[in-house]
C-alpha atoms as a PDB file:
ATOM      1  CA  ARG A   1     -26.341   7.828  21.091  1.00  0.00           C
ATOM      2  CA  GLN A   2     -24.286   5.879  23.061  1.00  0.00           C
ATOM      3  CA  MET A   3     -24.364   4.838  26.830  1.00  0.00           C
ATOM      4  CA  ILE A   4     -21.926   3.339  29.246  1.00  0.00           C
ATOM      5  CA  ASN A   5     -22.830   0.991  31.896  1.00  0.00           C
ATOM      6  CA  ILE A   6     -21.023   2.216  34.601  1.00  0.00           C
ATOM      7  CA  GLY A   7     -21.468  -0.628  36.893  1.00  0.00           C
ATOM      8  CA  GLU A   8     -20.777  -3.560  34.246  1.00  0.00           C
ATOM      9  CA  LEU A   9     -17.638  -0.980  33.537  1.00  0.00           C
ATOM     10  CA  GLU A  10     -16.423  -1.258  36.925  1.00  0.00           C
ATOM     11  CA  LYS A  11     -17.214  -5.530  37.054  1.00  0.00           C
ATOM     12  CA  THR A  12     -14.768  -5.547  33.750  1.00  0.00           C
ATOM     13  CA  LEU A  13     -11.774  -3.175  35.153  1.00  0.00           C
ATOM     14  CA  GLY A  14     -12.282  -4.074  38.346  1.00  0.00           C
ATOM     15  CA  CYS A  15     -11.783  -0.933  39.803  1.00  0.00           C
ATOM     16  CA  PRO A  16     -14.373   2.092  40.834  1.00  0.00           C
ATOM     17  CA  VAL A  17     -15.670   4.018  37.736  1.00  0.00           C
ATOM     18  CA  ILE A  18     -17.266   7.150  38.346  1.00  0.00           C
ATOM     19  CA  SER A  19     -19.120   9.107  35.653  1.00  0.00           C
ATOM     20  CA  LEU A  20     -19.077  13.159  36.129  1.00  0.00           C
ATOM     21  CA  SER A  21     -19.418  16.362  34.342  1.00  0.00           C
ATOM     22  CA  ALA A  22     -16.703  18.743  35.512  1.00  0.00           C
ATOM     23  CA  THR A  23     -19.636  21.405  35.435  1.00  0.00           C
ATOM     24  CA  ASN A  24     -21.670  19.839  37.819  1.00  0.00           C
ATOM     25  CA  LYS A  25     -20.654  20.582  41.368  1.00  0.00           C
ATOM     26  CA  ALA A  26     -22.449  17.648  43.181  1.00  0.00           C
ATOM     27  CA  GLN A  27     -20.847  15.285  40.822  1.00  0.00           C
ATOM     28  CA  VAL A  28     -17.000  16.473  41.185  1.00  0.00           C
ATOM     29  CA  ALA A  29     -17.612  16.675  45.284  1.00  0.00           C
ATOM     30  CA  GLU A  30     -19.034  13.298  44.820  1.00  0.00           C
ATOM     31  CA  PHE A  31     -15.845  12.208  42.931  1.00  0.00           C
ATOM     32  CA  LYS A  32     -13.364  13.745  45.183  1.00  0.00           C
ATOM     33  CA  GLU A  33     -14.938  12.179  48.213  1.00  0.00           C
ATOM     34  CA  LYS A  34     -14.394   8.696  46.640  1.00  0.00           C
ATOM     35  CA  LEU A  35     -11.043   9.135  45.231  1.00  0.00           C
ATOM     36  CA  HIS A  36     -10.108  10.253  48.845  1.00  0.00           C
ATOM     37  CA  LYS A  37     -11.627   6.883  50.066  1.00  0.00           C
ATOM     38  CA  ALA A  38      -9.718   5.043  47.229  1.00  0.00           C
ATOM     39  CA  ILE A  39      -6.381   6.534  48.595  1.00  0.00           C
ATOM     40  CA  VAL A  40      -7.224   5.996  52.312  1.00  0.00           C
ATOM     41  CA  GLN A  41      -8.287   2.229  52.023  1.00  0.00           C
ATOM     42  CA  GLY A  42      -6.875   1.440  48.543  1.00  0.00           C
ATOM     43  CA  VAL A  43      -8.318  -0.310  45.694  1.00  0.00           C
ATOM     44  CA  ALA A  44      -8.086  -4.134  44.944  1.00  0.00           C
ATOM     45  CA  LEU A  45      -7.181  -4.476  41.527  1.00  0.00           C
ATOM     46  CA  LYS A  46      -7.987  -7.283  38.728  1.00  0.00           C
ATOM     47  CA  ASP A  47      -5.065  -9.586  37.190  1.00  0.00           C
ATOM     48  CA  ARG A  48      -5.617  -8.097  33.423  1.00  0.00           C
ATOM     49  CA  SER A  49      -3.371  -9.773  31.664  1.00  0.00           C
ATOM     50  CA  LEU A  50      -3.740 -10.342  28.138  1.00  0.00           C
ATOM     51  CA  ASN A  51      -3.074 -13.306  26.188  1.00  0.00           C
ATOM     52  CA  TYR A  52      -0.555 -12.205  23.213  1.00  0.00           C
ATOM     53  CA  GLY A  53      -0.562 -15.753  21.498  1.00  0.00           C
ATOM     54  CA  ASP A  54       1.611 -18.898  22.228  1.00  0.00           C
ATOM     55  CA  LYS A  55       4.891 -17.634  20.793  1.00  0.00           C
ATOM     56  CA  MET A  56       4.921 -14.544  22.576  1.00  0.00           C
ATOM     57  CA  GLU A  57       3.571 -15.733  25.652  1.00  0.00           C
ATOM     58  CA  ALA A  58       6.408 -18.285  25.579  1.00  0.00           C
ATOM     59  CA  ALA A  59       8.688 -15.618  24.997  1.00  0.00           C
ATOM     60  CA  ILE A  60       7.471 -13.435  27.457  1.00  0.00           C
ATOM     61  CA  GLU A  61       7.611 -16.479  30.473  1.00  0.00           C
ATOM     62  CA  HIS A  62      11.380 -17.039  29.222  1.00  0.00           C
ATOM     63  CA  ILE A  63      12.659 -13.843  29.872  1.00  0.00           C
ATOM     64  CA  SER A  64      10.530 -12.588  32.920  1.00  0.00           C
ATOM     65  CA  SER A  65      13.238 -14.229  35.143  1.00  0.00           C
ATOM     66  CA  LEU A  66      15.439 -11.601  34.014  1.00  0.00           C
ATOM     67  CA  PHE A  67      13.584  -9.514  35.887  1.00  0.00           C
ATOM     68  CA  ASN A  68      13.783 -11.160  39.131  1.00  0.00           C
ATOM     69  CA  ASP A  69      15.278  -8.360  41.046  1.00  0.00           C
ATOM     70  CA  GLN A  70      13.071  -5.700  40.082  1.00  0.00           C
ATOM     71  CA  THR A  71       9.896  -4.716  41.842  1.00  0.00           C
ATOM     72  CA  VAL A  72       7.973  -3.718  38.822  1.00  0.00           C
ATOM     73  CA  SER A  73       5.810  -6.169  37.322  1.00  0.00           C
ATOM     74  CA  HIS A  74       8.055  -8.795  35.505  1.00  0.00           C
ATOM     75  CA  ARG A  75       5.851  -9.453  32.954  1.00  0.00           C
ATOM     76  CA  ALA A  76       5.480  -5.615  31.905  1.00  0.00           C
ATOM     77  CA  LEU A  77       9.124  -5.378  31.941  1.00  0.00           C
ATOM     78  CA  ALA A  78       8.875  -8.473  29.566  1.00  0.00           C
ATOM     79  CA  ILE A  79       6.777  -7.107  27.131  1.00  0.00           C
ATOM     80  CA  ARG A  80       8.465  -3.712  26.874  1.00  0.00           C
ATOM     81  CA  ALA A  81      11.691  -5.656  26.598  1.00  0.00           C
ATOM     82  CA  LEU A  82      10.525  -7.638  23.458  1.00  0.00           C
ATOM     83  CA  GLU A  83       9.488  -3.854  22.234  1.00  0.00           C
ATOM     84  CA  LYS A  84      13.208  -3.104  22.303  1.00  0.00           C
ATOM     85  CA  ASP A  85      12.061  -0.376  25.052  1.00  0.00           C
ATOM     86  CA  THR A  86      16.125   1.357  25.567  1.00  0.00           C
ATOM     87  CA  MET A  87      15.357   2.478  29.306  1.00  0.00           C
ATOM     88  CA  VAL A  88      14.487  -1.567  29.945  1.00  0.00           C
ATOM     89  CA  LEU A  89      17.111  -2.859  27.550  1.00  0.00           C
ATOM     90  CA  ASN A  90      19.786  -0.852  29.222  1.00  0.00           C
ATOM     91  CA  SER A  91      19.033  -2.051  32.929  1.00  0.00           C
ATOM     92  CA  LEU A  92      20.144  -5.603  31.866  1.00  0.00           C
ATOM     93  CA  SER A  93      23.419  -7.008  31.656  1.00  0.00           C
ATOM     94  CA  ASP A  94      25.060  -7.727  28.210  1.00  0.00           C
ATOM     95  CA  LEU A  95      24.437 -11.373  28.625  1.00  0.00           C
ATOM     96  CA  ASP A  96      20.613 -10.783  29.467  1.00  0.00           C
ATOM     97  CA  ARG A  97      20.253  -8.011  26.480  1.00  0.00           C
ATOM     98  CA  SER A  98      21.462 -10.841  24.055  1.00  0.00           C
ATOM     99  CA  LYS A  99      18.879 -13.269  25.619  1.00  0.00           C
ATOM    100  CA  VAL A 100      16.164 -10.772  24.732  1.00  0.00           C
ATOM    101  CA  LEU A 101      17.291  -9.888  21.118  1.00  0.00           C
ATOM    102  CA  GLU A 102      17.504 -13.662  20.521  1.00  0.00           C
ATOM    103  CA  ALA A 103      13.956 -14.016  22.067  1.00  0.00           C
ATOM    104  CA  ILE A 104      12.789 -11.218  19.509  1.00  0.00           C
ATOM    105  CA  ALA A 105      14.836 -12.550  16.323  1.00  0.00           C
ATOM    106  CA  THR A 106      12.855 -16.192  17.428  1.00  0.00           C
ATOM    107  CA  LEU A 107       9.347 -14.544  17.469  1.00  0.00           C
ATOM    108  CA  ASP A 108       9.594 -12.902  13.797  1.00  0.00           C
ATOM    109  CA  LEU A 109       6.760 -10.601  14.634  1.00  0.00           C
ATOM    110  CA  ASP A 110       6.406  -6.655  14.159  1.00  0.00           C
ATOM    111  CA  ILE A 111       5.906  -6.941  18.400  1.00  0.00           C
ATOM    112  CA  ASP A 112       4.920  -3.135  18.373  1.00  0.00           C
ATOM    113  CA  LEU A 113       2.122  -4.190  16.143  1.00  0.00           C
ATOM    114  CA  HIS A 114       1.093  -7.155  17.420  1.00  0.00           C
ATOM    115  CA  VAL A 115       0.771  -5.828  20.932  1.00  0.00           C
ATOM    116  CA  ALA A 116      -0.926  -2.598  19.468  1.00  0.00           C
ATOM    117  CA  ASN A 117      -3.618  -5.066  18.124  1.00  0.00           C
ATOM    118  CA  THR A 118      -3.973  -7.412  20.752  1.00  0.00           C
ATOM    119  CA  LYS A 119      -4.784  -4.552  23.254  1.00  0.00           C
ATOM    120  CA  TYR A 120      -7.627  -2.686  20.670  1.00  0.00           C
ATOM    121  CA  THR A 121      -8.924  -6.138  19.746  1.00  0.00           C
ATOM    122  CA  HIS A 122      -9.351  -6.354  23.789  1.00  0.00           C
ATOM    123  CA  LEU A 123     -10.556  -2.908  24.647  1.00  0.00           C
ATOM    124  CA  HIS A 124     -12.957  -3.290  21.488  1.00  0.00           C
ATOM    125  CA  GLU A 125     -14.503  -6.668  22.869  1.00  0.00           C
ATOM    126  CA  GLN A 126     -14.769  -5.100  26.352  1.00  0.00           C
ATOM    127  CA  CYS A 127     -16.052  -1.821  25.059  1.00  0.00           C
ATOM    128  CA  LYS A 128     -19.041  -3.682  23.455  1.00  0.00           C
ATOM    129  CA  LYS A 129     -20.173  -5.192  26.673  1.00  0.00           C
ATOM    130  CA  VAL A 130     -20.785  -2.136  28.538  1.00  0.00           C
ATOM    131  CA  ARG A 131     -21.743   0.096  25.832  1.00  0.00           C
ATOM    132  CA  ARG A 132     -25.254   0.409  24.338  1.00  0.00           C
ATOM    133  CA  SER A 133     -26.665   2.516  22.135  1.00  0.00           C
ATOM    134  CA  GLU A 134     -30.113   4.301  21.966  1.00  0.00           C
ATOM    135  CA  GLY A 135     -31.398   5.145  18.556  1.00  0.00           C
ATOM    136  CA  LYS A 136     -29.873   4.658  15.214  1.00  0.00           C
ATOM    137  CA  LEU A 137     -26.224   4.312  15.438  1.00  0.00           C
ATOM    138  CA  SER A 138     -24.592   5.386  12.309  1.00  0.00           C
ATOM    139  CA  ARG A 139     -20.826   4.626  11.605  1.00  0.00           C
ATOM    140  CA  SER A 140     -18.597   7.573  11.280  1.00  0.00           C
ATOM    141  CA  VAL A 141     -17.045   8.370   7.898  1.00  0.00           C
ATOM    142  CA  THR A 142     -13.325   7.054   9.041  1.00  0.00           C
ATOM    143  CA  GLU A 143     -15.160   3.556   9.915  1.00  0.00           C
ATOM    144  CA  LYS A 144     -16.441   3.036   6.719  1.00  0.00           C
ATOM    145  CA  LEU A 145     -13.224   4.255   5.071  1.00  0.00           C
ATOM    146  CA  ASP A 146     -11.241   1.989   7.224  1.00  0.00           C
ATOM    147  CA  GLN A 147     -13.124  -1.109   6.244  1.00  0.00           C
ATOM    148  CA  PHE A 148     -12.634  -0.307   2.504  1.00  0.00           C
ATOM    149  CA  ILE A 149      -8.863   0.752   2.747  1.00  0.00           C
ATOM    150  CA  LEU A 150      -8.093  -2.227   5.200  1.00  0.00           C
ATOM    151  CA  ASN A 151      -9.601  -4.730   3.458  1.00  0.00           C
ATOM    152  CA  LYS A 152      -7.062  -7.564   2.401  1.00  0.00           C
ATOM    153  CA  TRP A 153      -8.553  -7.779  -1.270  1.00  0.00           C
ATOM    154  CA  VAL A 154      -8.638  -3.745  -1.873  1.00  0.00           C
ATOM    155  CA  GLY A 155      -6.280  -2.443   0.414  1.00  0.00           C
ATOM    156  CA  ILE A 156      -2.821  -3.004  -1.743  1.00  0.00           C
ATOM    157  CA  PRO A 157      -4.664  -1.882  -5.004  1.00  0.00           C
ATOM    158  CA  PHE A 158      -5.607   1.273  -3.282  1.00  0.00           C
ATOM    159  CA  PHE A 159      -2.341   1.493  -1.940  1.00  0.00           C
ATOM    160  CA  PHE A 160      -0.840   1.530  -5.624  1.00  0.00           C
ATOM    161  CA  VAL A 161      -3.448   4.189  -6.253  1.00  0.00           C
ATOM    162  CA  VAL A 162      -2.338   6.319  -3.862  1.00  0.00           C
ATOM    163  CA  MET A 163       1.236   5.987  -5.245  1.00  0.00           C
ATOM    164  CA  TYR A 164       0.325   6.523  -8.439  1.00  0.00           C
ATOM    165  CA  LEU A 165      -1.434   9.761  -7.369  1.00  0.00           C
ATOM    166  CA  MET A 166       1.456  11.188  -5.697  1.00  0.00           C
ATOM    167  CA  PHE A 167       3.932  10.111  -8.692  1.00  0.00           C
ATOM    168  CA  MET A 168       1.602  12.725 -10.926  1.00  0.00           C
ATOM    169  CA  PHE A 169       1.319  14.956  -8.210  1.00  0.00           C
ATOM    170  CA  SER A 170       4.767  15.594  -7.620  1.00  0.00           C
ATOM    171  CA  ILE A 171       5.962  15.110 -11.403  1.00  0.00           C
ATOM    172  CA  ASN A 172       3.076  17.483 -12.966  1.00  0.00           C
ATOM    173  CA  ILE A 173       2.925  20.026 -10.197  1.00  0.00           C
ATOM    174  CA  GLY A 174       6.732  19.860  -9.546  1.00  0.00           C
ATOM    175  CA  SER A 175       7.635  20.150 -13.090  1.00  0.00           C
ATOM    176  CA  ALA A 176       5.741  23.062 -13.575  1.00  0.00           C
ATOM    177  CA  PHE A 177       8.134  25.130 -11.048  1.00  0.00           C
ATOM    178  CA  ILE A 178      11.523  23.382 -12.327  1.00  0.00           C
ATOM    179  CA  ASP A 179      12.205  26.009 -15.316  1.00  0.00           C
ATOM    180  CA  PHE A 180      11.875  28.543 -12.941  1.00  0.00           C
ATOM    181  CA  PHE A 181      14.430  27.387 -10.549  1.00  0.00           C
ATOM    182  CA  ASP A 182      16.411  26.527 -13.358  1.00  0.00           C
ATOM    183  CA  ILE A 183      16.551  29.876 -14.982  1.00  0.00           C
ATOM    184  CA  GLY A 184      16.423  32.039 -11.672  1.00  0.00           C
ATOM    185  CA  VAL A 185      19.358  29.999  -9.824  1.00  0.00           C
ATOM    186  CA  GLY A 186      21.076  30.329 -13.483  1.00  0.00           C
ATOM    187  CA  ALA A 187      20.867  33.818 -13.707  1.00  0.00           C
ATOM    188  CA  LEU A 188      21.848  34.782 -10.178  1.00  0.00           C
ATOM    189  CA  LEU A 189      24.681  32.196  -9.640  1.00  0.00           C
ATOM    190  CA  VAL A 190      25.863  31.435 -13.171  1.00  0.00           C
ATOM    191  CA  ASP A 191      25.401  34.874 -15.259  1.00  0.00           C
ATOM    192  CA  GLY A 192      25.605  36.741 -12.189  1.00  0.00           C
ATOM    193  CA  GLY A 193      28.847  35.081 -11.095  1.00  0.00           C
ATOM    194  CA  HIS A 194      30.535  35.728 -14.764  1.00  0.00           C
ATOM    195  CA  HIS A 195      29.097  39.526 -14.556  1.00  0.00           C
ATOM    196  CA  LEU A 196      30.394  39.928 -11.228  1.00  0.00           C
ATOM    197  CA  LEU A 197      33.909  38.416 -11.492  1.00  0.00           C
ATOM    198  CA  ASP A 198      34.993  38.721 -15.257  1.00  0.00           C
ATOM    199  CA  GLY A 199      37.844  41.288 -14.977  1.00  0.00           C
ATOM    200  CA  HIS A 200      38.978  40.677 -11.670  1.00  0.00           C
ATOM    201  CA  LEU A 201      39.777  37.169 -11.602  1.00  0.00           C
ATOM    202  CA  PRO A 202      41.492  34.586 -13.964  1.00  0.00           C
ATOM    203  CA  VAL A 203      39.349  33.168 -16.816  1.00  0.00           C
ATOM    204  CA  TRP A 204      39.717  29.782 -15.436  1.00  0.00           C
ATOM    205  CA  LEU A 205      39.081  31.075 -11.459  1.00  0.00           C
ATOM    206  CA  VAL A 206      35.646  32.293 -12.915  1.00  0.00           C
ATOM    207  CA  THR A 207      34.988  29.309 -15.077  1.00  0.00           C
ATOM    208  CA  VAL A 208      35.219  27.214 -11.749  1.00  0.00           C
ATOM    209  CA  ILE A 209      33.131  29.367  -9.621  1.00  0.00           C
ATOM    210  CA  ALA A 210      30.435  30.688 -11.808  1.00  0.00           C
ATOM    211  CA  ASP A 211      30.039  27.133 -14.353  1.00  0.00           C
ATOM    212  CA  GLY A 212      31.219  24.751 -12.011  1.00  0.00           C
ATOM    213  CA  ILE A 213      29.988  25.662  -8.578  1.00  0.00           C
ATOM    214  CA  GLY A 214      27.033  27.961  -9.630  1.00  0.00           C
ATOM    215  CA  GLY A 215      26.177  25.109 -12.414  1.00  0.00           C
ATOM    216  CA  GLY A 216      26.222  22.688  -9.715  1.00  0.00           C
ATOM    217  CA  ILE A 217      24.086  24.301  -7.604  1.00  0.00           C
ATOM    218  CA  GLN A 218      22.000  25.218 -10.634  1.00  0.00           C
ATOM    219  CA  THR A 219      21.413  21.539 -11.484  1.00  0.00           C
ATOM    220  CA  VAL A 220      20.551  20.431  -7.720  1.00  0.00           C
ATOM    221  CA  ALA A 221      17.914  23.262  -7.248  1.00  0.00           C
ATOM    222  CA  THR A 222      15.997  21.854 -10.434  1.00  0.00           C
ATOM    223  CA  PHE A 223      15.016  18.723  -7.846  1.00  0.00           C
ATOM    224  CA  ILE A 224      13.669  21.048  -5.177  1.00  0.00           C
ATOM    225  CA  PRO A 225      10.049  21.463  -6.446  1.00  0.00           C
ATOM    226  CA  VAL A 226       9.709  17.726  -7.066  1.00  0.00           C
ATOM    227  CA  ILE A 227      10.965  17.073  -3.635  1.00  0.00           C
ATOM    228  CA  ALA A 228       8.959  19.760  -2.215  1.00  0.00           C
ATOM    229  CA  CYS A 229       5.611  18.392  -3.866  1.00  0.00           C
ATOM    230  CA  LEU A 230       6.709  14.882  -2.572  1.00  0.00           C
ATOM    231  CA  TYR A 231       7.226  15.921   0.863  1.00  0.00           C
ATOM    232  CA  LEU A 232       4.053  17.744   0.806  1.00  0.00           C
ATOM    233  CA  PHE A 233       1.786  14.672  -0.520  1.00  0.00           C
ATOM    234  CA  LEU A 234       3.818  12.492   2.048  1.00  0.00           C
ATOM    235  CA  ALA A 235       2.855  15.033   5.033  1.00  0.00           C
ATOM    236  CA  VAL A 236      -0.659  14.971   3.840  1.00  0.00           C
ATOM    237  CA  LEU A 237      -0.798  11.199   4.059  1.00  0.00           C
ATOM    238  CA  GLU A 238       0.935  11.233   7.407  1.00  0.00           C
ATOM    239  CA  SER A 239      -1.783  13.895   9.117  1.00  0.00           C
ATOM    240  CA  SER A 240      -4.705  11.965   7.465  1.00  0.00           C
ATOM    241  CA  GLY A 241      -3.662   8.779   9.042  1.00  0.00           C
ATOM    242  CA  TYR A 242      -3.379   6.868   5.743  1.00  0.00           C
ATOM    243  CA  MET A 243       0.318   5.690   6.308  1.00  0.00           C
ATOM    244  CA  ALA A 244      -0.521   4.075   9.371  1.00  0.00           C
ATOM    245  CA  ARG A 245      -3.192   2.297   7.522  1.00  0.00           C
ATOM    246  CA  ALA A 246      -0.918   1.522   4.170  1.00  0.00           C
ATOM    247  CA  ALA A 247       2.110   0.172   6.702  1.00  0.00           C
ATOM    248  CA  PHE A 248      -0.609  -2.061   8.365  1.00  0.00           C
ATOM    249  CA  VAL A 249      -1.622  -3.509   5.116  1.00  0.00           C
ATOM    250  CA  LEU A 250       1.827  -3.952   3.327  1.00  0.00           C
ATOM    251  CA  ASP A 251       3.402  -5.351   7.075  1.00  0.00           C
ATOM    252  CA  LYS A 252       3.311  -9.286   6.441  1.00  0.00           C
ATOM    253  CA  VAL A 253       4.817  -8.713   3.069  1.00  0.00           C
ATOM    254  CA  MET A 254       7.681  -6.417   3.898  1.00  0.00           C
ATOM    255  CA  GLN A 255       8.315  -8.285   6.957  1.00  0.00           C
ATOM    256  CA  LYS A 256       9.878 -10.696   4.671  1.00  0.00           C
ATOM    257  CA  ILE A 257      12.820  -8.480   4.134  1.00  0.00           C
ATOM    258  CA  GLY A 258      13.058  -7.293   7.375  1.00  0.00           C
ATOM    259  CA  LEU A 259      11.513  -3.791   6.993  1.00  0.00           C
ATOM    260  CA  PRO A 260       8.323  -2.482   8.313  1.00  0.00           C
ATOM    261  CA  GLY A 261       5.266  -1.947   6.228  1.00  0.00           C
ATOM    262  CA  LYS A 262       5.818   2.316   5.877  1.00  0.00           C
ATOM    263  CA  ALA A 263       9.108   1.067   4.121  1.00  0.00           C
ATOM    264  CA  PHE A 264       7.593   0.397   1.104  1.00  0.00           C
ATOM    265  CA  VAL A 265       6.871   3.949   0.519  1.00  0.00           C
ATOM    266  CA  PRO A 266      10.703   4.883   0.184  1.00  0.00           C
ATOM    267  CA  LEU A 267      11.331   2.213  -1.971  1.00  0.00           C
ATOM    268  CA  VAL A 268       8.676   2.489  -4.562  1.00  0.00           C
ATOM    269  CA  LEU A 269       9.780   6.154  -4.891  1.00  0.00           C
ATOM    270  CA  GLY A 270      13.013   4.346  -5.708  1.00  0.00           C
ATOM    271  CA  PHE A 271      11.342   3.738  -9.028  1.00  0.00           C
ATOM    272  CA  GLY A 272      11.220   7.857  -9.680  1.00  0.00           C
ATOM    273  CA  CYS A 273      14.486   8.854  -8.294  1.00  0.00           C
ATOM    274  CA  ASN A 274      16.570   7.427  -5.709  1.00  0.00           C
ATOM    275  CA  VAL A 275      17.479  10.717  -4.427  1.00  0.00           C
ATOM    276  CA  PRO A 276      13.783  11.489  -2.930  1.00  0.00           C
ATOM    277  CA  SER A 277      13.338   7.683  -1.896  1.00  0.00           C
ATOM    278  CA  ILE A 278      16.489   7.692   0.285  1.00  0.00           C
ATOM    279  CA  MET A 279      15.379  11.053   1.726  1.00  0.00           C
ATOM    280  CA  ALA A 280      11.909   9.675   2.562  1.00  0.00           C
ATOM    281  CA  THR A 281      13.544   6.799   4.594  1.00  0.00           C
ATOM    282  CA  ARG A 282      13.720   9.373   7.204  1.00  0.00           C
ATOM    283  CA  THR A 283      10.282   8.496   8.172  1.00  0.00           C
ATOM    284  CA  LEU A 284      11.047   5.713   9.143  1.00  0.00           C
ATOM    285  CA  ASP A 285      11.023   4.866  12.892  1.00  0.00           C
ATOM    286  CA  GLN A 286      13.905   2.872  13.960  1.00  0.00           C
ATOM    287  CA  GLU A 287      17.714   3.705  12.881  1.00  0.00           C
ATOM    288  CA  ARG A 288      18.084   0.071  11.488  1.00  0.00           C
ATOM    289  CA  GLU A 289      15.437   0.179   9.420  1.00  0.00           C
ATOM    290  CA  ARG A 290      16.497   3.676   7.770  1.00  0.00           C
ATOM    291  CA  LYS A 291      19.636   2.429   7.180  1.00  0.00           C
ATOM    292  CA  LEU A 292      18.328  -0.928   5.521  1.00  0.00           C
ATOM    293  CA  ALA A 293      15.714   0.811   3.283  1.00  0.00           C
ATOM    294  CA  ALA A 294      18.468   3.269   2.195  1.00  0.00           C
ATOM    295  CA  SER A 295      20.655   0.551   1.393  1.00  0.00           C
ATOM    296  CA  MET A 296      17.937  -1.029  -0.482  1.00  0.00           C
ATOM    297  CA  ALA A 297      16.993   2.196  -2.517  1.00  0.00           C
ATOM    298  CA  PRO A 298      19.908   1.964  -5.040  1.00  0.00           C
ATOM    299  CA  PHE A 299      18.877  -1.158  -6.439  1.00  0.00           C
ATOM    300  CA  MET A 300      15.531   0.159  -7.498  1.00  0.00           C
ATOM    301  CA  SER A 301      15.264   1.159 -11.244  1.00  0.00           C
ATOM    302  CA  CYS A 302      15.639   4.515 -10.739  1.00  0.00           C
ATOM    303  CA  GLY A 303      13.682   6.453 -13.940  1.00  0.00           C
ATOM    304  CA  ALA A 304      15.834   9.101 -14.017  1.00  0.00           C
END
């Protein structure tokens, strides 16, 4: 069982901390009283600026002056600008915006990931100070898996195993339904088209509609089960949280070509087929990343 040292947490955060149960009326009344007192008298908060490393701190200091006319914390706005926050960037002039983009390019970091890592590391350290355990504390299954998946030696080989399983699932399970789609769509559009149109239209027009259009749709339909299985597997990976962990493991490698770690999945899919590879780029967060990954996909050795 884990306990929180409220007094130590107050010192760490520099503001009042109240422990309560919403079902306990006495504790709720005490909370309301302290909240009213804090609103009336105000609370002096500690400056809790985090250190993001020499390179990023220099960039923050460099562009903080661009927000001198703002009432909000200049440092906070500078960090948001470096994270390419649209609202913050749109509030700047074209010249100032170009300075921010230049600072971002100079950093050569995945700033979103760097900021998140710094914050979580700081929070983890603070939690260790105010948290104490009573009795034996066992690690959760997620923590045990993270230690294995995020290991610098095991993480990348494990990722390739997952990719192999994804291909196996998509090809073996999806292929089982290809004949169903092929025969079904062929019977409906190609053979059915001939039966419906023969005798009513010229032979060349029947051929164009039934064999041309219908045959084209029949060919495309055979991709549906494989792509559906592929997206089902990707959805499971995304929901389980593994995609975020895989992106973290591969981020340094992918940064060298200007892409985030999670862009590796669409590119790997290109070895099987470029069609699902380009479709999978839609899972990327930024438009620039989607366009770049989609442009690179045709250069992969497509097995089809």
